[in-house]
Amino acid sequence: MKRNKVKTLKNKAEKLWKEVCLLKYGKYCHVKKHAPHIKIKHTEVIQIDHCISRANKYFFLDINNGLPVCSSCNRAKCYKQKGIDEAITEMVKKRNPKWYKDALWLHQTREANPNFSKVWWLEEVIKDLEELKELNEGQA
């Protein structure tokens, strides 16, 4: 029963994370707009890329770690196309240099987030994301 609740909370939190990232950063491919020199066939399907790997659960639901890109760019990054990966990293770093520096250090020095599957932690994250969503909807 607890496992189902955790899974439901994780799904809800990830959905909110994506919504907030789209509201905050726009519903367009940032690679297409900010790195037009990269030759790739862009799509209309917009996804949110995790600059710091999804495997790092400290940053999985951090909106500073998300960047809207088209599905082609997201897939290219997954297949280790360095140009796309580097462009996304530079965009995230430029957007918030202090966050990126701190996040990169934590990413390199910390083990997995021990709270990622805790109900209380997920509920707190969801509450924070809901507040951010309201705030960003008010600015749209």
C-alpha atoms as a PDB file:
ATOM      1  CA  MET A   1       0.000   0.000   0.000  1.00  0.00           C
ATOM      2  CA  LYS A   2       2.788   2.454   0.915  1.00  0.00           C
ATOM      3  CA  ARG A   3       4.608   1.597  -2.329  1.00  0.00           C
ATOM      4  CA  ASN A   4       1.522   2.610  -4.345  1.00  0.00           C
ATOM      5  CA  LYS A   5       1.250   5.891  -2.450  1.00  0.00           C
ATOM      6  CA  VAL A   6       4.931   6.678  -3.062  1.00  0.00           C
ATOM      7  CA  LYS A   7       4.557   5.888  -6.771  1.00  0.00           C
ATOM      8  CA  THR A   8       1.471   8.096  -7.015  1.00  0.00           C
ATOM      9  CA  LEU A   9       3.256  10.953  -5.245  1.00  0.00           C
ATOM     10  CA  LYS A  10       6.334  10.614  -7.474  1.00  0.00           C
ATOM     11  CA  ASN A  11       4.162  10.714 -10.596  1.00  0.00           C
ATOM     12  CA  LYS A  12       2.261  13.753  -9.321  1.00  0.00           C
ATOM     13  CA  ALA A  13       5.489  15.543  -8.407  1.00  0.00           C
ATOM     14  CA  GLU A  14       7.076  14.856 -11.802  1.00  0.00           C
ATOM     15  CA  LYS A  15       3.957  16.053 -13.631  1.00  0.00           C
ATOM     16  CA  LEU A  16       3.955  19.274 -11.574  1.00  0.00           C
ATOM     17  CA  TRP A  17       7.696  19.698 -12.175  1.00  0.00           C
ATOM     18  CA  LYS A  18       7.138  19.538 -15.936  1.00  0.00           C
ATOM     19  CA  GLU A  19       4.216  21.988 -15.763  1.00  0.00           C
ATOM     20  CA  VAL A  20       6.214  24.495 -13.702  1.00  0.00           C
ATOM     21  CA  CYS A  21       9.228  24.241 -16.017  1.00  0.00           C
ATOM     22  CA  LEU A  22       7.021  24.909 -19.050  1.00  0.00           C
ATOM     23  CA  LEU A  23       5.348  27.871 -17.348  1.00  0.00           C
ATOM     24  CA  LYS A  24       8.620  29.330 -16.139  1.00  0.00           C
ATOM     25  CA  TYR A  25      10.831  28.732 -19.188  1.00  0.00           C
ATOM     26  CA  GLY A  26       8.385  28.593 -22.096  1.00  0.00           C
ATOM     27  CA  LYS A  27       6.897  25.930 -24.345  1.00  0.00           C
ATOM     28  CA  TYR A  28       9.593  25.912 -27.021  1.00  0.00           C
ATOM     29  CA  CYS A  29      12.868  24.155 -27.746  1.00  0.00           C
ATOM     30  CA  HIS A  30      15.643  26.159 -26.124  1.00  0.00           C
ATOM     31  CA  VAL A  31      18.283  24.465 -28.286  1.00  0.00           C
ATOM     32  CA  LYS A  32      16.472  25.558 -31.453  1.00  0.00           C
ATOM     33  CA  LYS A  33      16.189  29.145 -30.194  1.00  0.00           C
ATOM     34  CA  HIS A  34      19.520  29.634 -28.426  1.00  0.00           C
ATOM     35  CA  ALA A  35      21.800  27.302 -30.398  1.00  0.00           C
ATOM     36  CA  PRO A  36      20.494  27.467 -33.977  1.00  0.00           C
ATOM     37  CA  HIS A  37      23.943  26.524 -35.309  1.00  0.00           C
ATOM     38  CA  ILE A  38      23.385  22.940 -34.103  1.00  0.00           C
ATOM     39  CA  LYS A  39      22.064  20.988 -37.053  1.00  0.00           C
ATOM     40  CA  ILE A  40      19.221  18.744 -35.984  1.00  0.00           C
ATOM     41  CA  LYS A  41      15.689  18.203 -37.260  1.00  0.00           C
ATOM     42  CA  HIS A  42      13.605  19.698 -34.455  1.00  0.00           C
ATOM     43  CA  THR A  43      10.118  18.437 -33.638  1.00  0.00           C
ATOM     44  CA  GLU A  44       7.036  20.179 -32.265  1.00  0.00           C
ATOM     45  CA  VAL A  45       6.917  17.836 -29.242  1.00  0.00           C
ATOM     46  CA  ILE A  46       8.351  19.653 -26.231  1.00  0.00           C
ATOM     47  CA  GLN A  47       9.825  17.708 -23.334  1.00  0.00           C
ATOM     48  CA  ILE A  48      11.681  18.779 -20.213  1.00  0.00           C
ATOM     49  CA  ASP A  49      15.306  17.725 -20.098  1.00  0.00           C
ATOM     50  CA  HIS A  50      17.184  17.161 -16.844  1.00  0.00           C
ATOM     51  CA  CYS A  51      20.518  18.956 -17.209  1.00  0.00           C
ATOM     52  CA  ILE A  52      21.937  16.996 -14.288  1.00  0.00           C
ATOM     53  CA  SER A  53      21.010  13.366 -14.800  1.00  0.00           C
ATOM     54  CA  ARG A  54      17.583  12.055 -13.813  1.00  0.00           C
ATOM     55  CA  ALA A  55      19.480   9.431 -11.837  1.00  0.00           C
ATOM     56  CA  ASN A  56      20.476  12.097  -9.321  1.00  0.00           C
ATOM     57  CA  LYS A  57      17.330  12.308  -7.211  1.00  0.00           C
ATOM     58  CA  TYR A  58      18.504  15.451  -5.418  1.00  0.00           C
ATOM     59  CA  PHE A  59      17.824  17.378  -8.625  1.00  0.00           C
ATOM     60  CA  PHE A  60      15.172  15.229 -10.287  1.00  0.00           C
ATOM     61  CA  LEU A  61      12.361  17.571  -9.175  1.00  0.00           C
ATOM     62  CA  ASP A  62      14.353  20.822  -9.034  1.00  0.00           C
ATOM     63  CA  ILE A  63      12.985  23.287 -11.594  1.00  0.00           C
ATOM     64  CA  ASN A  64      16.442  24.835 -11.962  1.00  0.00           C
ATOM     65  CA  ASN A  65      17.503  21.501 -13.451  1.00  0.00           C
ATOM     66  CA  GLY A  66      14.813  21.465 -16.161  1.00  0.00           C
ATOM     67  CA  LEU A  67      14.995  22.879 -19.670  1.00  0.00           C
ATOM     68  CA  PRO A  68      12.301  22.612 -22.365  1.00  0.00           C
ATOM     69  CA  VAL A  69      13.665  21.038 -25.533  1.00  0.00           C
ATOM     70  CA  CYS A  70      12.096  19.239 -28.465  1.00  0.00           C
ATOM     71  CA  SER A  71      11.965  15.459 -28.484  1.00  0.00           C
ATOM     72  CA  SER A  72      14.761  15.311 -31.100  1.00  0.00           C
ATOM     73  CA  CYS A  73      17.137  17.278 -28.891  1.00  0.00           C
ATOM     74  CA  ASN A  74      16.185  15.270 -25.819  1.00  0.00           C
ATOM     75  CA  ARG A  75      16.757  12.000 -27.678  1.00  0.00           C
ATOM     76  CA  ALA A  76      20.068  13.255 -29.122  1.00  0.00           C
ATOM     77  CA  LYS A  77      21.273  14.146 -25.630  1.00  0.00           C
ATOM     78  CA  CYS A  78      20.287  10.689 -24.361  1.00  0.00           C
ATOM     79  CA  TYR A  79      22.391   9.177 -27.144  1.00  0.00           C
ATOM     80  CA  LYS A  80      25.345  11.298 -26.024  1.00  0.00           C
ATOM     81  CA  GLN A  81      25.400  13.807 -28.873  1.00  0.00           C
ATOM     82  CA  LYS A  82      27.935  16.098 -27.207  1.00  0.00           C
ATOM     83  CA  GLY A  83      26.902  19.314 -28.982  1.00  0.00           C
ATOM     84  CA  ILE A  84      23.339  19.102 -27.680  1.00  0.00           C
ATOM     85  CA  ASP A  85      24.475  18.055 -24.197  1.00  0.00           C
ATOM     86  CA  GLU A  86      26.963  20.922 -23.981  1.00  0.00           C
ATOM     87  CA  ALA A  87      24.431  23.467 -25.282  1.00  0.00           C
ATOM     88  CA  ILE A  88      21.844  22.420 -22.692  1.00  0.00           C
ATOM     89  CA  THR A  89      24.437  22.549 -19.906  1.00  0.00           C
ATOM     90  CA  GLU A  90      25.540  26.038 -20.961  1.00  0.00           C
ATOM     91  CA  MET A  91      21.951  27.311 -21.076  1.00  0.00           C
ATOM     92  CA  VAL A  92      21.196  26.002 -17.586  1.00  0.00           C
ATOM     93  CA  LYS A  93      24.522  27.305 -16.249  1.00  0.00           C
ATOM     94  CA  LYS A  94      23.961  30.761 -17.788  1.00  0.00           C
ATOM     95  CA  ARG A  95      20.417  30.929 -16.443  1.00  0.00           C
ATOM     96  CA  ASN A  96      21.517  30.389 -12.845  1.00  0.00           C
ATOM     97  CA  PRO A  97      25.328  30.214 -12.407  1.00  0.00           C
ATOM     98  CA  LYS A  98      25.369  29.907  -8.611  1.00  0.00           C
ATOM     99  CA  TRP A  99      22.745  27.146  -8.582  1.00  0.00           C
ATOM    100  CA  TYR A 100      24.644  25.259 -11.290  1.00  0.00           C
ATOM    101  CA  LYS A 101      27.981  25.501  -9.466  1.00  0.00           C
ATOM    102  CA  ASP A 102      26.437  24.276  -6.191  1.00  0.00           C
ATOM    103  CA  ALA A 103      24.391  21.570  -7.925  1.00  0.00           C
ATOM    104  CA  LEU A 104      27.384  20.257  -9.837  1.00  0.00           C
ATOM    105  CA  TRP A 105      29.407  20.023  -6.634  1.00  0.00           C
ATOM    106  CA  LEU A 106      26.583  18.156  -4.885  1.00  0.00           C
ATOM    107  CA  HIS A 107      26.122  15.906  -7.910  1.00  0.00           C
ATOM    108  CA  GLN A 108      29.786  14.925  -7.793  1.00  0.00           C
ATOM    109  CA  THR A 109      30.053  14.443  -4.029  1.00  0.00           C
ATOM    110  CA  ARG A 110      26.750  13.059  -2.765  1.00  0.00           C
ATOM    111  CA  GLU A 111      25.142   9.678  -2.737  1.00  0.00           C
ATOM    112  CA  ALA A 112      21.506   9.126  -3.689  1.00  0.00           C
ATOM    113  CA  ASN A 113      18.814  11.251  -2.071  1.00  0.00           C
ATOM    114  CA  PRO A 114      17.712   9.131   0.915  1.00  0.00           C
ATOM    115  CA  ASN A 115      14.350  10.928   1.102  1.00  0.00           C
ATOM    116  CA  PHE A 116      13.247  10.474  -2.513  1.00  0.00           C
ATOM    117  CA  SER A 117      10.880   7.626  -1.633  1.00  0.00           C
ATOM    118  CA  LYS A 118       9.627   9.077   1.645  1.00  0.00           C
ATOM    119  CA  VAL A 119       5.987  10.159   1.659  1.00  0.00           C
ATOM    120  CA  TRP A 120       6.624  13.232   3.825  1.00  0.00           C
ATOM    121  CA  TRP A 121       9.407  14.475   1.510  1.00  0.00           C
ATOM    122  CA  LEU A 122       7.376  13.959  -1.658  1.00  0.00           C
ATOM    123  CA  GLU A 123       4.390  15.761  -0.084  1.00  0.00           C
ATOM    124  CA  GLU A 124       6.639  18.733   0.759  1.00  0.00           C
ATOM    125  CA  VAL A 125       8.030  18.837  -2.776  1.00  0.00           C
ATOM    126  CA  ILE A 126       4.512  18.666  -4.232  1.00  0.00           C
ATOM    127  CA  LYS A 127       3.392  21.536  -2.009  1.00  0.00           C
ATOM    128  CA  ASP A 128       6.367  23.637  -3.119  1.00  0.00           C
ATOM    129  CA  LEU A 129       5.759  22.821  -6.792  1.00  0.00           C
ATOM    130  CA  GLU A 130       2.060  23.695  -6.482  1.00  0.00           C
ATOM    131  CA  GLU A 131       3.026  27.080  -5.015  1.00  0.00           C
ATOM    132  CA  LEU A 132       5.531  27.663  -7.830  1.00  0.00           C
ATOM    133  CA  LYS A 133       2.902  26.696 -10.393  1.00  0.00           C
ATOM    134  CA  GLU A 134       0.442  29.237  -8.969  1.00  0.00           C
ATOM    135  CA  LEU A 135       3.120  31.906  -8.890  1.00  0.00           C
ATOM    136  CA  ASN A 136       4.151  31.267 -12.492  1.00  0.00           C
ATOM    137  CA  GLU A 137       0.546  31.061 -13.722  1.00  0.00           C
ATOM    138  CA  GLY A 138       0.004  34.507 -12.211  1.00  0.00           C
ATOM    139  CA  GLN A 139       2.959  35.851 -14.202  1.00  0.00           C
ATOM    140  CA  ALA A 140       1.840  34.344 -17.498  1.00  0.00           C
END
